[in-house]
């Protein structure tokens, strides 16, 4: 009886905005922030090779997608993955492609409704000058890869 009363109280607190987890989406069982001080993460470019082609005459946003991988069968939570990715790629948005494109980064967070199980960093490129560049991207335990960008007239 005490056990069911405690469970019922916890459910009511959560439903009314009190207690932990209020206002959040259901947690995915595979999303974790690794314990301890070792930062082991892995990722992959969704399209290999990643080639972004832009035009100054008809400017559009070009995208590169960096998907988190699982380590020991678990995907990292989105905030932790973005922190690791940004730390390993601190000069990404100001690197070699910044001279011909305006770059920005956003995060796709997995949730119970989308069905996506892993976080994704999306790098956007908007053309600003004609040229070509190659941007190195650290992928954690997976090593490094690159994104090639060409902006034509």
Protein backbone atom coordinates (compact mmCIF):
# COMPACT_ATOMS: atom_id res chain seq x y z
CA UNK A 1 0.00 0.00 0.00
CA UNK A 2 2.79 2.46 0.94
CA UNK A 3 4.63 1.57 -2.25
CA UNK A 4 1.63 2.24 -4.49
CA UNK A 5 0.89 5.50 -2.63
CA UNK A 6 4.48 6.68 -3.15
CA UNK A 7 4.31 5.80 -6.84
CA UNK A 8 1.00 7.60 -7.23
CA UNK A 9 2.38 10.70 -5.47
CA UNK A 10 5.43 10.76 -7.72
CA UNK A 11 3.26 10.51 -10.83
CA UNK A 12 1.00 13.33 -9.64
CA UNK A 13 3.96 15.58 -8.83
CA UNK A 14 5.41 15.03 -12.28
CA UNK A 15 2.05 15.59 -14.00
CA UNK A 16 1.46 18.83 -12.08
CA UNK A 17 4.89 20.28 -12.81
CA UNK A 18 6.61 19.29 -9.57
CA UNK A 19 9.28 16.72 -9.07
CA UNK A 20 11.90 15.62 -11.55
CA UNK A 21 11.28 15.39 -15.26
CA UNK A 22 8.46 17.91 -15.45
CA UNK A 23 8.11 19.46 -18.86
CA UNK A 24 10.60 17.14 -20.52
CA UNK A 25 10.19 14.55 -23.19
CA UNK A 26 10.51 10.92 -22.16
CA UNK A 27 14.17 9.97 -21.86
CA UNK A 28 15.61 7.56 -24.37
CA UNK A 29 17.14 4.59 -22.63
CA UNK A 30 20.17 4.68 -24.92
CA UNK A 31 21.02 8.37 -24.31
CA UNK A 32 23.65 8.75 -21.65
CA UNK A 33 26.40 11.09 -20.57
CA UNK A 34 29.45 8.94 -19.87
CA UNK A 35 30.55 8.81 -16.26
CA UNK A 36 34.07 9.62 -15.22
CA UNK A 37 36.63 11.91 -16.72
CA UNK A 38 37.33 10.02 -19.93
CA UNK A 39 35.72 11.60 -22.94
CA UNK A 40 35.15 8.75 -25.33
CA UNK A 41 32.88 9.70 -28.18
CA UNK A 42 32.58 8.80 -31.81
CA UNK A 43 30.81 10.30 -34.78
CA UNK A 44 30.53 10.03 -38.52
CA UNK A 45 29.75 12.31 -41.41
CA UNK A 46 26.37 11.27 -42.74
CA UNK A 47 27.51 11.57 -46.36
CA UNK A 48 31.01 10.46 -47.25
CA UNK A 49 32.54 12.20 -49.01
CA UNK A 50 30.75 15.33 -47.85
CA UNK A 51 30.80 17.81 -50.70
CA UNK A 52 28.88 21.09 -50.47
CA UNK A 53 28.42 23.03 -53.71
CA UNK A 54 27.12 26.59 -53.58
CA UNK A 55 26.55 29.45 -56.00
CA UNK A 56 26.72 33.19 -55.43
CA UNK A 57 24.18 33.69 -58.23
CA UNK A 58 21.60 31.46 -56.55
CA UNK A 59 22.62 31.30 -52.89
CA UNK A 60 21.19 28.56 -50.71
CA UNK A 61 22.18 26.94 -47.45
CA UNK A 62 24.37 23.89 -47.82
CA UNK A 63 24.60 21.36 -45.01
CA UNK A 64 26.94 18.77 -43.53
CA UNK A 65 25.64 16.34 -40.90
CA UNK A 66 27.75 14.85 -38.11
CA UNK A 67 25.93 11.96 -36.41
CA UNK A 68 26.91 10.72 -32.96
CA UNK A 69 27.86 7.08 -32.81
CA UNK A 70 27.37 4.64 -29.99
CA UNK A 71 30.15 3.71 -27.59
CA UNK A 72 29.63 0.41 -25.77
CA UNK A 73 26.13 0.24 -27.25
CA UNK A 74 25.03 3.62 -25.87
CA UNK A 75 24.49 6.93 -27.64
CA UNK A 76 25.54 10.09 -25.82
CA UNK A 77 23.00 12.66 -24.77
CA UNK A 78 22.81 15.66 -27.09
CA UNK A 79 24.33 18.34 -24.84
CA UNK A 80 27.32 16.16 -23.95
CA UNK A 81 27.89 15.19 -27.60
CA UNK A 82 27.80 18.80 -28.76
CA UNK A 83 30.23 19.80 -25.99
CA UNK A 84 32.68 17.06 -27.05
CA UNK A 85 32.28 17.87 -30.75
CA UNK A 86 32.74 21.61 -30.23
CA UNK A 87 35.78 21.05 -28.00
CA UNK A 88 37.45 18.88 -30.62
CA UNK A 89 36.49 21.24 -33.46
CA UNK A 90 36.90 24.63 -31.78
CA UNK A 91 38.13 26.34 -34.97
CA UNK A 92 35.60 24.73 -37.31
CA UNK A 93 33.41 27.80 -37.88
CA UNK A 94 36.41 30.10 -38.36
CA UNK A 95 38.60 27.69 -40.34
CA UNK A 96 39.50 27.58 -44.00
CA UNK A 97 35.89 27.65 -45.26
CA UNK A 98 35.05 30.83 -43.34
CA UNK A 99 36.69 32.89 -46.10
CA UNK A 100 34.15 31.78 -48.72
CA UNK A 101 31.09 30.90 -46.61
CA UNK A 102 29.28 32.07 -43.55
CA UNK A 103 29.07 29.02 -41.31
CA UNK A 104 26.83 28.14 -38.40
CA UNK A 105 26.10 25.07 -36.32
CA UNK A 106 22.96 23.65 -34.76
CA UNK A 107 22.02 20.48 -32.92
CA UNK A 108 19.29 17.98 -33.70
CA UNK A 109 18.29 16.44 -30.40
CA UNK A 110 16.75 12.97 -30.36
CA UNK A 111 13.35 12.74 -28.80
CA UNK A 112 10.64 10.18 -28.28
CA UNK A 113 8.57 11.56 -31.13
CA UNK A 114 11.09 11.74 -33.97
CA UNK A 115 12.40 8.22 -33.55
CA UNK A 116 15.98 9.43 -34.02
CA UNK A 117 18.17 7.74 -31.41
CA UNK A 118 21.32 9.84 -31.68
CA UNK A 119 22.17 13.55 -31.68
CA UNK A 120 23.34 15.22 -34.87
CA UNK A 121 25.39 18.39 -35.30
CA UNK A 122 24.33 20.22 -38.46
CA UNK A 123 26.87 22.56 -40.02
CA UNK A 124 25.35 25.10 -42.41
CA UNK A 125 27.25 26.93 -45.16
CA UNK A 126 26.04 30.09 -46.90
CA UNK A 127 28.11 31.38 -49.83
CA UNK A 128 29.87 34.74 -49.62
CA UNK A 129 32.81 34.49 -52.08
CA UNK A 130 33.85 32.30 -55.01
CA UNK A 131 36.40 29.63 -54.09
CA UNK A 132 37.03 26.16 -52.74
CA UNK A 133 38.07 24.89 -49.34
CA UNK A 134 38.41 21.74 -47.32
CA UNK A 135 37.49 21.73 -43.65
CA UNK A 136 38.89 19.05 -41.34
CA UNK A 137 36.42 17.59 -38.85
CA UNK A 138 37.38 15.59 -35.76
CA UNK A 139 35.08 12.62 -35.21
CA UNK A 140 36.35 11.52 -31.80
CA UNK A 141 37.32 7.85 -31.67
CA UNK A 142 36.53 7.57 -35.39
CA UNK A 143 39.45 9.81 -36.28
CA UNK A 144 38.99 12.70 -38.67
CA UNK A 145 37.38 13.39 -42.00
CA UNK A 146 36.82 16.42 -44.15
CA UNK A 147 34.13 18.51 -45.76
CA UNK A 148 34.82 20.01 -49.18
CA UNK A 149 33.05 23.23 -50.14
CA UNK A 150 32.94 24.87 -53.55
CA UNK A 151 31.31 28.23 -54.19
CA UNK A 152 30.84 29.14 -57.82
CA UNK A 153 29.75 32.39 -59.44
